Amino acid sequence: MCRSLNTLSRSKNGILTFCNHSKLFQLIFNNLCFELYEWELEALKEYIGQLDIAYWESHLKHWAHQRRIPISVGKKHFIILVNREEVHEIMNLLCYEKTKIELLDYQDIDYQFIEN
């Protein structure tokens, strides 16, 4: 395993990681794996955020499959089909928050120092 790999977010079916060495984000969802640069990740996040879930569910309501929401990836001949819950799960993976660790000052530590 790469030592420079940081986990940014995790869900039941996926994980979003960042590699400090290659500067690539890796989104693994179900059996799909995407390696994306930051601008590609932002474009994917914007694209998924603009999906009209209600339109696709009503447009394909008589379709036999459970997954009715198409996500175009790269070329037009490659489409991922997901359901409403999976769209929300992917958005939660992509909307990670970089947590800032707040460091303590020496005044914040309540400790009585005793010299021997």
PDB file of N, CA and C in Angstrom:
ATOM      1  N   MET A   1       0.831  -1.181   0.000  1.00  0.00           N
ATOM      2  CA  MET A   1       0.000   0.000   0.000  1.00  0.00           C
ATOM      3  C   MET A   1       0.873   1.240   0.000  1.00  0.00           C
ATOM      4  N   CYS A   2       0.445   2.236  -0.728  1.00  0.00           N
ATOM      5  CA  CYS A   2       1.183   3.489  -0.851  1.00  0.00           C
ATOM      6  C   CYS A   2       1.160   4.243   0.470  1.00  0.00           C
ATOM      7  N   ARG A   3       2.314   4.666   0.939  1.00  0.00           N
ATOM      8  CA  ARG A   3       2.380   5.385   2.216  1.00  0.00           C
ATOM      9  C   ARG A   3       1.850   6.807   2.102  1.00  0.00           C
ATOM     10  N   SER A   4       1.833   7.352   0.904  1.00  0.00           N
ATOM     11  CA  SER A   4       1.379   8.730   0.728  1.00  0.00           C
ATOM     12  C   SER A   4      -0.105   8.803   0.378  1.00  0.00           C
ATOM     13  N   LEU A   5      -0.853   7.744   0.641  1.00  0.00           N
ATOM     14  CA  LEU A   5      -2.275   7.681   0.337  1.00  0.00           C
ATOM     15  C   LEU A   5      -3.082   8.094   1.561  1.00  0.00           C
ATOM     16  N   ASN A   6      -3.910   9.130   1.406  1.00  0.00           N
ATOM     17  CA  ASN A   6      -4.733   9.635   2.507  1.00  0.00           C
ATOM     18  C   ASN A   6      -6.206   9.385   2.201  1.00  0.00           C
ATOM     19  N   THR A   7      -6.928   8.842   3.157  1.00  0.00           N
ATOM     20  CA  THR A   7      -8.359   8.623   3.005  1.00  0.00           C
ATOM     21  C   THR A   7      -9.085   9.930   3.326  1.00  0.00           C
ATOM     22  N   LEU A   8      -9.862  10.428   2.353  1.00  0.00           N
ATOM     23  CA  LEU A   8     -10.596  11.680   2.539  1.00  0.00           C
ATOM     24  C   LEU A   8     -12.023  11.439   2.999  1.00  0.00           C
ATOM     25  N   SER A   9     -12.674  10.436   2.437  1.00  0.00           N
ATOM     26  CA  SER A   9     -14.022  10.086   2.871  1.00  0.00           C
ATOM     27  C   SER A   9     -14.289   8.630   2.549  1.00  0.00           C
ATOM     28  N   ARG A  10     -15.241   8.082   3.280  1.00  0.00           N
ATOM     29  CA  ARG A  10     -15.561   6.661   3.148  1.00  0.00           C
ATOM     30  C   ARG A  10     -17.063   6.491   3.344  1.00  0.00           C
ATOM     31  N   SER A  11     -17.620   5.564   2.608  1.00  0.00           N
ATOM     32  CA  SER A  11     -19.038   5.242   2.759  1.00  0.00           C
ATOM     33  C   SER A  11     -19.192   3.725   2.715  1.00  0.00           C
ATOM     34  N   LYS A  12     -20.425   3.275   2.740  1.00  0.00           N
ATOM     35  CA  LYS A  12     -20.703   1.839   2.724  1.00  0.00           C
ATOM     36  C   LYS A  12     -20.159   1.177   1.455  1.00  0.00           C
ATOM     37  N   ASN A  13     -20.306   1.843   0.314  1.00  0.00           N
ATOM     38  CA  ASN A  13     -19.920   1.254  -0.962  1.00  0.00           C
ATOM     39  C   ASN A  13     -18.704   1.891  -1.619  1.00  0.00           C
ATOM     40  N   GLY A  14     -18.085   2.867  -0.975  1.00  0.00           N
ATOM     41  CA  GLY A  14     -16.988   3.530  -1.654  1.00  0.00           C
ATOM     42  C   GLY A  14     -16.005   4.219  -0.736  1.00  0.00           C
ATOM     43  N   ILE A  15     -14.948   4.720  -1.364  1.00  0.00           N
ATOM     44  CA  ILE A  15     -13.897   5.430  -0.642  1.00  0.00           C
ATOM     45  C   ILE A  15     -13.255   6.441  -1.592  1.00  0.00           C
ATOM     46  N   LEU A  16     -12.887   7.593  -1.051  1.00  0.00           N
ATOM     47  CA  LEU A  16     -12.176   8.616  -1.805  1.00  0.00           C
ATOM     48  C   LEU A  16     -10.832   8.820  -1.124  1.00  0.00           C
ATOM     49  N   THR A  17      -9.753   8.642  -1.881  1.00  0.00           N
ATOM     50  CA  THR A  17      -8.415   8.806  -1.345  1.00  0.00           C
ATOM     51  C   THR A  17      -7.634   9.802  -2.198  1.00  0.00           C
ATOM     52  N   PHE A  18      -6.534  10.304  -1.630  1.00  0.00           N
ATOM     53  CA  PHE A  18      -5.643  11.212  -2.341  1.00  0.00           C
ATOM     54  C   PHE A  18      -4.219  10.723  -2.149  1.00  0.00           C
ATOM     55  N   CYS A  19      -3.477  10.662  -3.255  1.00  0.00           N
ATOM     56  CA  CYS A  19      -2.082  10.242  -3.212  1.00  0.00           C
ATOM     57  C   CYS A  19      -1.193  11.475  -3.305  1.00  0.00           C
ATOM     58  N   ASN A  20      -0.400  11.732  -2.272  1.00  0.00           N
ATOM     59  CA  ASN A  20       0.504  12.883  -2.268  1.00  0.00           C
ATOM     60  C   ASN A  20       1.617  12.735  -3.292  1.00  0.00           C
ATOM     61  N   HIS A  21       1.951  11.512  -3.628  1.00  0.00           N
ATOM     62  CA  HIS A  21       3.039  11.260  -4.579  1.00  0.00           C
ATOM     63  C   HIS A  21       2.615  11.568  -6.013  1.00  0.00           C
ATOM     64  N   SER A  22       1.480  11.018  -6.444  1.00  0.00           N
ATOM     65  CA  SER A  22       1.025  11.204  -7.824  1.00  0.00           C
ATOM     66  C   SER A  22       0.082  12.396  -7.979  1.00  0.00           C
ATOM     67  N   LYS A  23      -0.389  12.962  -6.848  1.00  0.00           N
ATOM     68  CA  LYS A  23      -1.337  14.087  -6.843  1.00  0.00           C
ATOM     69  C   LYS A  23      -2.652  13.721  -7.523  1.00  0.00           C
ATOM     70  N   LEU A  24      -3.058  12.466  -7.374  1.00  0.00           N
ATOM     71  CA  LEU A  24      -4.302  11.973  -7.956  1.00  0.00           C
ATOM     72  C   LEU A  24      -5.285  11.595  -6.853  1.00  0.00           C
ATOM     73  N   PHE A  25      -6.554  11.889  -7.106  1.00  0.00           N
ATOM     74  CA  PHE A  25      -7.629  11.402  -6.258  1.00  0.00           C
ATOM     75  C   PHE A  25      -8.064  10.061  -6.821  1.00  0.00           C
ATOM     76  N   GLN A  26      -8.414   9.145  -5.949  1.00  0.00           N
ATOM     77  CA  GLN A  26      -8.911   7.850  -6.383  1.00  0.00           C
ATOM     78  C   GLN A  26     -10.279   7.638  -5.752  1.00  0.00           C
ATOM     79  N   LEU A  27     -11.290   7.533  -6.614  1.00  0.00           N
ATOM     80  CA  LEU A  27     -12.650   7.273  -6.178  1.00  0.00           C
ATOM     81  C   LEU A  27     -12.972   5.828  -6.518  1.00  0.00           C
ATOM     82  N   ILE A  28     -13.226   5.045  -5.485  1.00  0.00           N
ATOM     83  CA  ILE A  28     -13.633   3.655  -5.678  1.00  0.00           C
ATOM     84  C   ILE A  28     -15.063   3.551  -5.184  1.00  0.00           C
ATOM     85  N   PHE A  29     -15.962   3.156  -6.093  1.00  0.00           N
ATOM     86  CA  PHE A  29     -17.371   3.014  -5.739  1.00  0.00           C
ATOM     87  C   PHE A  29     -17.873   1.707  -6.325  1.00  0.00           C
ATOM     88  N   ASN A  30     -18.374   0.837  -5.457  1.00  0.00           N
ATOM     89  CA  ASN A  30     -18.766  -0.524  -5.838  1.00  0.00           C
ATOM     90  C   ASN A  30     -17.602  -1.182  -6.570  1.00  0.00           C
ATOM     91  N   ASN A  31     -17.757  -1.546  -7.827  1.00  0.00           N
ATOM     92  CA  ASN A  31     -16.652  -2.188  -8.551  1.00  0.00           C
ATOM     93  C   ASN A  31     -16.006  -1.232  -9.550  1.00  0.00           C
ATOM     94  N   LEU A  32     -16.218   0.072  -9.387  1.00  0.00           N
ATOM     95  CA  LEU A  32     -15.650   1.074 -10.284  1.00  0.00           C
ATOM     96  C   LEU A  32     -14.515   1.811  -9.592  1.00  0.00           C
ATOM     97  N   CYS A  33     -13.480   2.124 -10.350  1.00  0.00           N
ATOM     98  CA  CYS A  33     -12.345   2.862  -9.811  1.00  0.00           C
ATOM     99  C   CYS A  33     -11.995   3.983 -10.775  1.00  0.00           C
ATOM    100  N   PHE A  34     -11.931   5.213 -10.253  1.00  0.00           N
ATOM    101  CA  PHE A  34     -11.578   6.380 -11.057  1.00  0.00           C
ATOM    102  C   PHE A  34     -10.369   7.055 -10.441  1.00  0.00           C
ATOM    103  N   GLU A  35      -9.393   7.388 -11.269  1.00  0.00           N
ATOM    104  CA  GLU A  35      -8.260   8.186 -10.833  1.00  0.00           C
ATOM    105  C   GLU A  35      -8.386   9.540 -11.491  1.00  0.00           C
ATOM    106  N   LEU A  36      -8.484  10.578 -10.665  1.00  0.00           N
ATOM    107  CA  LEU A  36      -8.818  11.908 -11.150  1.00  0.00           C
ATOM    108  C   LEU A  36      -7.856  12.953 -10.597  1.00  0.00           C
ATOM    109  N   TYR A  37      -7.531  13.926 -11.434  1.00  0.00           N
ATOM    110  CA  TYR A  37      -6.833  15.107 -10.932  1.00  0.00           C
ATOM    111  C   TYR A  37      -7.862  15.997 -10.249  1.00  0.00           C
ATOM    112  N   GLU A  38      -7.398  17.004  -9.528  1.00  0.00           N
ATOM    113  CA  GLU A  38      -8.309  17.842  -8.752  1.00  0.00           C
ATOM    114  C   GLU A  38      -9.364  18.513  -9.635  1.00  0.00           C
ATOM    115  N   TRP A  39      -8.967  19.014 -10.802  1.00  0.00           N
ATOM    116  CA  TRP A  39      -9.932  19.683 -11.675  1.00  0.00           C
ATOM    117  C   TRP A  39     -10.958  18.690 -12.227  1.00  0.00           C
ATOM    118  N   GLU A  40     -10.550  17.444 -12.441  1.00  0.00           N
ATOM    119  CA  GLU A  40     -11.481  16.421 -12.902  1.00  0.00           C
ATOM    120  C   GLU A  40     -12.463  16.038 -11.792  1.00  0.00           C
ATOM    121  N   LEU A  41     -11.955  15.981 -10.565  1.00  0.00           N
ATOM    122  CA  LEU A  41     -12.810  15.674  -9.421  1.00  0.00           C
ATOM    123  C   LEU A  41     -13.859  16.767  -9.232  1.00  0.00           C
ATOM    124  N   GLU A  42     -13.446  18.028  -9.361  1.00  0.00           N
ATOM    125  CA  GLU A  42     -14.383  19.146  -9.237  1.00  0.00           C
ATOM    126  C   GLU A  42     -15.423  19.111 -10.353  1.00  0.00           C
ATOM    127  N   ALA A  43     -15.009  18.778 -11.579  1.00  0.00           N
ATOM    128  CA  ALA A  43     -15.947  18.680 -12.703  1.00  0.00           C
ATOM    129  C   ALA A  43     -16.951  17.553 -12.476  1.00  0.00           C
ATOM    130  N   LEU A  44     -16.490  16.419 -11.964  1.00  0.00           N
ATOM    131  CA  LEU A  44     -17.383  15.302 -11.669  1.00  0.00           C
ATOM    132  C   LEU A  44     -18.373  15.681 -10.578  1.00  0.00           C
ATOM    133  N   LYS A  45     -17.884  16.362  -9.552  1.00  0.00           N
ATOM    134  CA  LYS A  45     -18.753  16.800  -8.462  1.00  0.00           C
ATOM    135  C   LYS A  45     -19.831  17.751  -8.985  1.00  0.00           C
ATOM    136  N   GLU A  46     -19.448  18.678  -9.848  1.00  0.00           N
ATOM    137  CA  GLU A  46     -20.415  19.619 -10.424  1.00  0.00           C
ATOM    138  C   GLU A  46     -21.426  18.886 -11.311  1.00  0.00           C
ATOM    139  N   TYR A  47     -20.946  17.954 -12.118  1.00  0.00           N
ATOM    140  CA  TYR A  47     -21.816  17.194 -13.011  1.00  0.00           C
ATOM    141  C   TYR A  47     -22.854  16.388 -12.226  1.00  0.00           C
ATOM    142  N   ILE A  48     -22.410  15.695 -11.188  1.00  0.00           N
ATOM    143  CA  ILE A  48     -23.326  14.883 -10.395  1.00  0.00           C
ATOM    144  C   ILE A  48     -24.284  15.773  -9.610  1.00  0.00           C
ATOM    145  N   GLY A  49     -23.805  16.935  -9.172  1.00  0.00           N
ATOM    146  CA  GLY A  49     -24.672  17.870  -8.465  1.00  0.00           C
ATOM    147  C   GLY A  49     -25.783  18.430  -9.338  1.00  0.00           C
ATOM    148  N   GLN A  50     -25.567  18.450 -10.656  1.00  0.00           N
ATOM    149  CA  GLN A  50     -26.559  18.996 -11.581  1.00  0.00           C
ATOM    150  C   GLN A  50     -27.494  17.925 -12.156  1.00  0.00           C
ATOM    151  N   LEU A  51     -27.309  16.682 -11.769  1.00  0.00           N
ATOM    152  CA  LEU A  51     -28.188  15.628 -12.267  1.00  0.00           C
ATOM    153  C   LEU A  51     -29.627  15.876 -11.825  1.00  0.00           C
ATOM    154  N   ASP A  52     -30.544  15.730 -12.740  1.00  0.00           N
ATOM    155  CA  ASP A  52     -31.965  15.870 -12.424  1.00  0.00           C
ATOM    156  C   ASP A  52     -32.513  14.472 -12.116  1.00  0.00           C
ATOM    157  N   ILE A  53     -32.419  14.109 -10.868  1.00  0.00           N
ATOM    158  CA  ILE A  53     -32.783  12.763 -10.434  1.00  0.00           C
ATOM    159  C   ILE A  53     -34.257  12.476 -10.704  1.00  0.00           C
ATOM    160  N   ALA A  54     -35.128  13.425 -10.385  1.00  0.00           N
ATOM    161  CA  ALA A  54     -36.565  13.225 -10.577  1.00  0.00           C
ATOM    162  C   ALA A  54     -36.907  13.026 -12.052  1.00  0.00           C
ATOM    163  N   TYR A  55     -36.230  13.772 -12.926  1.00  0.00           N
ATOM    164  CA  TYR A  55     -36.487  13.625 -14.356  1.00  0.00           C
ATOM    165  C   TYR A  55     -36.158  12.209 -14.823  1.00  0.00           C
ATOM    166  N   TRP A  56     -34.973  11.715 -14.475  1.00  0.00           N
ATOM    167  CA  TRP A  56     -34.565  10.388 -14.942  1.00  0.00           C
ATOM    168  C   TRP A  56     -35.427   9.287 -14.351  1.00  0.00           C
ATOM    169  N   GLU A  57     -35.828   9.447 -13.088  1.00  0.00           N
ATOM    170  CA  GLU A  57     -36.685   8.426 -12.480  1.00  0.00           C
ATOM    171  C   GLU A  57     -38.060   8.391 -13.146  1.00  0.00           C
ATOM    172  N   SER A  58     -38.594   9.548 -13.502  1.00  0.00           N
ATOM    173  CA  SER A  58     -39.906   9.557 -14.170  1.00  0.00           C
ATOM    174  C   SER A  58     -39.785   9.186 -15.647  1.00  0.00           C
ATOM    175  N   HIS A  59     -38.690   9.584 -16.286  1.00  0.00           N
ATOM    176  CA  HIS A  59     -38.481   9.286 -17.706  1.00  0.00           C
ATOM    177  C   HIS A  59     -38.310   7.776 -17.944  1.00  0.00           C
ATOM    178  N   LEU A  60     -37.664   7.110 -17.002  1.00  0.00           N
ATOM    179  CA  LEU A  60     -37.413   5.672 -17.140  1.00  0.00           C
ATOM    180  C   LEU A  60     -38.222   4.841 -16.135  1.00  0.00           C
ATOM    181  N   LYS A  61     -39.410   5.326 -15.747  1.00  0.00           N
ATOM    182  CA  LYS A  61     -40.188   4.640 -14.714  1.00  0.00           C
ATOM    183  C   LYS A  61     -40.688   3.258 -15.137  1.00  0.00           C
ATOM    184  N   HIS A  62     -40.835   3.024 -16.427  1.00  0.00           N
ATOM    185  CA  HIS A  62     -41.306   1.716 -16.891  1.00  0.00           C
ATOM    186  C   HIS A  62     -40.151   0.784 -17.249  1.00  0.00           C
ATOM    187  N   TRP A  63     -38.942   1.211 -16.967  1.00  0.00           N
ATOM    188  CA  TRP A  63     -37.770   0.402 -17.266  1.00  0.00           C
ATOM    189  C   TRP A  63     -37.667  -0.707 -16.240  1.00  0.00           C
ATOM    190  N   ALA A  64     -37.229  -1.868 -16.649  1.00  0.00           N
ATOM    191  CA  ALA A  64     -37.214  -3.040 -15.771  1.00  0.00           C
ATOM    192  C   ALA A  64     -36.112  -2.995 -14.714  1.00  0.00           C
ATOM    193  N   HIS A  65     -35.086  -2.206 -14.917  1.00  0.00           N
ATOM    194  CA  HIS A  65     -33.949  -2.184 -13.995  1.00  0.00           C
ATOM    195  C   HIS A  65     -34.163  -1.193 -12.851  1.00  0.00           C
ATOM    196  N   GLN A  66     -33.542  -1.483 -11.732  1.00  0.00           N
ATOM    197  CA  GLN A  66     -33.659  -0.639 -10.554  1.00  0.00           C
ATOM    198  C   GLN A  66     -32.880   0.671 -10.735  1.00  0.00           C
ATOM    199  N   ARG A  67     -31.745   0.614 -11.371  1.00  0.00           N
ATOM    200  CA  ARG A  67     -30.897   1.791 -11.559  1.00  0.00           C
ATOM    201  C   ARG A  67     -31.355   2.534 -12.816  1.00  0.00           C
ATOM    202  N   ARG A  68     -31.784   3.780 -12.621  1.00  0.00           N
ATOM    203  CA  ARG A  68     -32.367   4.534 -13.734  1.00  0.00           C
ATOM    204  C   ARG A  68     -31.676   5.856 -14.014  1.00  0.00           C
ATOM    205  N   ILE A  69     -30.698   6.229 -13.230  1.00  0.00           N
ATOM    206  CA  ILE A  69     -30.055   7.534 -13.394  1.00  0.00           C
ATOM    207  C   ILE A  69     -28.713   7.332 -14.084  1.00  0.00           C
ATOM    208  N   PRO A  70     -28.566   7.866 -15.313  1.00  0.00           N
ATOM    209  CA  PRO A  70     -27.312   7.678 -16.044  1.00  0.00           C
ATOM    210  C   PRO A  70     -26.276   8.736 -15.680  1.00  0.00           C
ATOM    211  N   ILE A  71     -25.031   8.299 -15.539  1.00  0.00           N
ATOM    212  CA  ILE A  71     -23.897   9.207 -15.349  1.00  0.00           C
ATOM    213  C   ILE A  71     -22.932   8.929 -16.482  1.00  0.00           C
ATOM    214  N   SER A  72     -22.757   9.908 -17.356  1.00  0.00           N
ATOM    215  CA  SER A  72     -21.815   9.771 -18.468  1.00  0.00           C
ATOM    216  C   SER A  72     -20.395   9.916 -17.952  1.00  0.00           C
ATOM    217  N   VAL A  73     -19.547   9.013 -18.350  1.00  0.00           N
ATOM    218  CA  VAL A  73     -18.151   9.055 -17.931  1.00  0.00           C
ATOM    219  C   VAL A  73     -17.287   9.067 -19.192  1.00  0.00           C
ATOM    220  N   GLY A  74     -16.519  10.110 -19.362  1.00  0.00           N
ATOM    221  CA  GLY A  74     -15.625  10.190 -20.517  1.00  0.00           C
ATOM    222  C   GLY A  74     -16.383  10.252 -21.813  1.00  0.00           C
ATOM    223  N   LYS A  75     -16.236   9.255 -22.615  1.00  0.00           N
ATOM    224  CA  LYS A  75     -16.901   9.192 -23.916  1.00  0.00           C
ATOM    225  C   LYS A  75     -18.386   8.889 -23.740  1.00  0.00           C
ATOM    226  N   LYS A  76     -19.166   9.189 -24.755  1.00  0.00           N
ATOM    227  CA  LYS A  76     -20.613   8.994 -24.667  1.00  0.00           C
ATOM    228  C   LYS A  76     -21.020   7.535 -24.669  1.00  0.00           C
ATOM    229  N   HIS A  77     -20.131   6.648 -25.042  1.00  0.00           N
ATOM    230  CA  HIS A  77     -20.499   5.233 -25.083  1.00  0.00           C
ATOM    231  C   HIS A  77     -20.298   4.520 -23.747  1.00  0.00           C
ATOM    232  N   PHE A  78     -19.858   5.236 -22.710  1.00  0.00           N
ATOM    233  CA  PHE A  78     -19.669   4.622 -21.394  1.00  0.00           C
ATOM    234  C   PHE A  78     -20.542   5.358 -20.389  1.00  0.00           C
ATOM    235  N   ILE A  79     -21.566   4.684 -19.895  1.00  0.00           N
ATOM    236  CA  ILE A  79     -22.530   5.284 -18.977  1.00  0.00           C
ATOM    237  C   ILE A  79     -22.669   4.383 -17.757  1.00  0.00           C
ATOM    238  N   ILE A  80     -22.636   5.004 -16.597  1.00  0.00           N
ATOM    239  CA  ILE A  80     -22.851   4.287 -15.348  1.00  0.00           C
ATOM    240  C   ILE A  80     -24.302   4.519 -14.939  1.00  0.00           C
ATOM    241  N   LEU A  81     -25.001   3.476 -14.583  1.00  0.00           N
ATOM    242  CA  LEU A  81     -26.371   3.597 -14.112  1.00  0.00           C
ATOM    243  C   LEU A  81     -26.403   3.425 -12.604  1.00  0.00           C
ATOM    244  N   VAL A  82     -27.045   4.371 -11.929  1.00  0.00           N
ATOM    245  CA  VAL A  82     -27.133   4.349 -10.467  1.00  0.00           C
ATOM    246  C   VAL A  82     -28.570   4.655 -10.059  1.00  0.00           C
ATOM    247  N   ASN A  83     -28.871   4.405  -8.803  1.00  0.00           N
ATOM    248  CA  ASN A  83     -30.173   4.795  -8.272  1.00  0.00           C
ATOM    249  C   ASN A  83     -30.011   6.035  -7.394  1.00  0.00           C
ATOM    250  N   ARG A  84     -31.106   6.530  -6.860  1.00  0.00           N
ATOM    251  CA  ARG A  84     -31.106   7.771  -6.072  1.00  0.00           C
ATOM    252  C   ARG A  84     -30.153   7.682  -4.872  1.00  0.00           C
ATOM    253  N   GLU A  85     -30.197   6.584  -4.148  1.00  0.00           N
ATOM    254  CA  GLU A  85     -29.352   6.434  -2.967  1.00  0.00           C
ATOM    255  C   GLU A  85     -27.873   6.447  -3.338  1.00  0.00           C
ATOM    256  N   GLU A  86     -27.537   5.813  -4.448  1.00  0.00           N
ATOM    257  CA  GLU A  86     -26.137   5.783  -4.883  1.00  0.00           C
ATOM    258  C   GLU A  86     -25.654   7.164  -5.317  1.00  0.00           C
ATOM    259  N   VAL A  87     -26.521   7.955  -5.941  1.00  0.00           N
ATOM    260  CA  VAL A  87     -26.142   9.324  -6.304  1.00  0.00           C
ATOM    261  C   VAL A  87     -25.811  10.117  -5.053  1.00  0.00           C
ATOM    262  N   HIS A  88     -26.653  10.004  -4.032  1.00  0.00           N
ATOM    263  CA  HIS A  88     -26.399  10.722  -2.780  1.00  0.00           C
ATOM    264  C   HIS A  88     -25.128  10.223  -2.091  1.00  0.00           C
ATOM    265  N   GLU A  89     -24.882   8.944  -2.164  1.00  0.00           N
ATOM    266  CA  GLU A  89     -23.672   8.386  -1.559  1.00  0.00           C
ATOM    267  C   GLU A  89     -22.422   8.880  -2.283  1.00  0.00           C
ATOM    268  N   ILE A  90     -22.473   8.940  -3.612  1.00  0.00           N
ATOM    269  CA  ILE A  90     -21.327   9.454  -4.385  1.00  0.00           C
ATOM    270  C   ILE A  90     -21.102  10.924  -4.052  1.00  0.00           C
ATOM    271  N   MET A  91     -22.170  11.706  -3.959  1.00  0.00           N
ATOM    272  CA  MET A  91     -22.024  13.129  -3.622  1.00  0.00           C
ATOM    273  C   MET A  91     -21.423  13.299  -2.235  1.00  0.00           C
ATOM    274  N   ASN A  92     -21.825  12.456  -1.292  1.00  0.00           N
ATOM    275  CA  ASN A  92     -21.239  12.533   0.047  1.00  0.00           C
ATOM    276  C   ASN A  92     -19.757  12.183   0.023  1.00  0.00           C
ATOM    277  N   LEU A  93     -19.375  11.242  -0.825  1.00  0.00           N
ATOM    278  CA  LEU A  93     -17.960  10.907  -0.957  1.00  0.00           C
ATOM    279  C   LEU A  93     -17.176  12.074  -1.551  1.00  0.00           C
ATOM    280  N   LEU A  94     -17.747  12.721  -2.549  1.00  0.00           N
ATOM    281  CA  LEU A  94     -17.046  13.800  -3.238  1.00  0.00           C
ATOM    282  C   LEU A  94     -17.014  15.104  -2.450  1.00  0.00           C
ATOM    283  N   CYS A  95     -17.951  15.285  -1.547  1.00  0.00           N
ATOM    284  CA  CYS A  95     -18.014  16.520  -0.760  1.00  0.00           C
ATOM    285  C   CYS A  95     -17.303  16.329   0.570  1.00  0.00           C
ATOM    286  N   TYR A  96     -16.070  15.939   0.488  1.00  0.00           N
ATOM    287  CA  TYR A  96     -15.281  15.737   1.699  1.00  0.00           C
ATOM    288  C   TYR A  96     -14.872  17.089   2.268  1.00  0.00           C
ATOM    289  N   GLU A  97     -14.634  17.131   3.533  1.00  0.00           N
ATOM    290  CA  GLU A  97     -14.159  18.332   4.206  1.00  0.00           C
ATOM    291  C   GLU A  97     -12.732  18.076   4.673  1.00  0.00           C
ATOM    292  N   LYS A  98     -11.854  18.969   4.291  1.00  0.00           N
ATOM    293  CA  LYS A  98     -10.494  18.858   4.810  1.00  0.00           C
ATOM    294  C   LYS A  98     -10.518  19.356   6.243  1.00  0.00           C
ATOM    295  N   THR A  99     -10.282  18.451   7.156  1.00  0.00           N
ATOM    296  CA  THR A  99     -10.344  18.816   8.566  1.00  0.00           C
ATOM    297  C   THR A  99      -9.046  19.463   8.988  1.00  0.00           C
ATOM    298  N   LYS A 100      -9.191  20.630   9.550  1.00  0.00           N
ATOM    299  CA  LYS A 100      -8.028  21.349  10.050  1.00  0.00           C
ATOM    300  C   LYS A 100      -7.835  20.970  11.514  1.00  0.00           C
ATOM    301  N   ILE A 101      -6.657  20.548  11.834  1.00  0.00           N
ATOM    302  CA  ILE A 101      -6.347  20.148  13.203  1.00  0.00           C
ATOM    303  C   ILE A 101      -5.894  21.383  13.958  1.00  0.00           C
ATOM    304  N   GLU A 102      -6.623  21.693  15.015  1.00  0.00           N
ATOM    305  CA  GLU A 102      -6.281  22.858  15.815  1.00  0.00           C
ATOM    306  C   GLU A 102      -5.253  22.447  16.864  1.00  0.00           C
ATOM    307  N   LEU A 103      -4.134  23.116  16.854  1.00  0.00           N
ATOM    308  CA  LEU A 103      -3.062  22.818  17.800  1.00  0.00           C
ATOM    309  C   LEU A 103      -3.245  23.627  19.073  1.00  0.00           C
ATOM    310  N   LEU A 104      -2.802  23.069  20.172  1.00  0.00           N
ATOM    311  CA  LEU A 104      -2.898  23.741  21.463  1.00  0.00           C
ATOM    312  C   LEU A 104      -1.690  24.643  21.692  1.00  0.00           C
ATOM    313  N   ASP A 105      -1.938  25.754  22.381  1.00  0.00           N
ATOM    314  CA  ASP A 105      -0.836  26.595  22.871  1.00  0.00           C
ATOM    315  C   ASP A 105      -0.451  26.092  24.253  1.00  0.00           C
ATOM    316  N   TYR A 106       0.679  26.545  24.731  1.00  0.00           N
ATOM    317  CA  TYR A 106       1.099  26.083  26.051  1.00  0.00           C
ATOM    318  C   TYR A 106       0.154  26.608  27.134  1.00  0.00           C
ATOM    319  N   GLN A 107      -0.546  27.733  26.893  1.00  0.00           N
ATOM    320  CA  GLN A 107      -1.498  28.261  27.878  1.00  0.00           C
ATOM    321  C   GLN A 107      -2.747  27.378  27.977  1.00  0.00           C
ATOM    322  N   ASP A 108      -3.038  26.620  26.925  1.00  0.00           N
ATOM    323  CA  ASP A 108      -4.231  25.781  26.909  1.00  0.00           C
ATOM    324  C   ASP A 108      -4.071  24.502  27.727  1.00  0.00           C
ATOM    325  N   ILE A 109      -2.854  24.174  28.098  1.00  0.00           N
ATOM    326  CA  ILE A 109      -2.601  22.934  28.831  1.00  0.00           C
ATOM    327  C   ILE A 109      -2.594  23.234  30.321  1.00  0.00           C
ATOM    328  N   ASP A 110      -3.536  22.621  31.010  1.00  0.00           N
ATOM    329  CA  ASP A 110      -3.635  22.810  32.464  1.00  0.00           C
ATOM    330  C   ASP A 110      -2.806  21.728  33.135  1.00  0.00           C
ATOM    331  N   TYR A 111      -1.558  22.056  33.430  1.00  0.00           N
ATOM    332  CA  TYR A 111      -0.645  21.060  33.985  1.00  0.00           C
ATOM    333  C   TYR A 111       0.286  21.770  34.955  1.00  0.00           C
ATOM    334  N   GLN A 112       0.414  21.227  36.116  1.00  0.00           N
ATOM    335  CA  GLN A 112       1.311  21.815  37.109  1.00  0.00           C
ATOM    336  C   GLN A 112       2.686  21.170  36.936  1.00  0.00           C
ATOM    337  N   PHE A 113       3.631  21.958  36.523  1.00  0.00           N
ATOM    338  CA  PHE A 113       4.988  21.464  36.297  1.00  0.00           C
ATOM    339  C   PHE A 113       5.774  21.512  37.593  1.00  0.00           C
ATOM    340  N   ILE A 114       6.331  20.383  38.005  1.00  0.00           N
ATOM    341  CA  ILE A 114       7.094  20.309  39.242  1.00  0.00           C
ATOM    342  C   ILE A 114       8.498  19.875  38.892  1.00  0.00           C
ATOM    343  N   GLU A 115       9.470  20.725  39.246  1.00  0.00           N
ATOM    344  CA  GLU A 115      10.876  20.361  39.007  1.00  0.00           C
ATOM    345  C   GLU A 115      11.369  19.518  40.169  1.00  0.00           C
ATOM    346  N   ASN A 116      12.145  18.510  39.862  1.00  0.00           N
ATOM    347  CA  ASN A 116      12.703  17.661  40.919  1.00  0.00           C
ATOM    348  C   ASN A 116      14.063  18.135  41.330  1.00  0.00           C
TER     349      ASN A 116
END
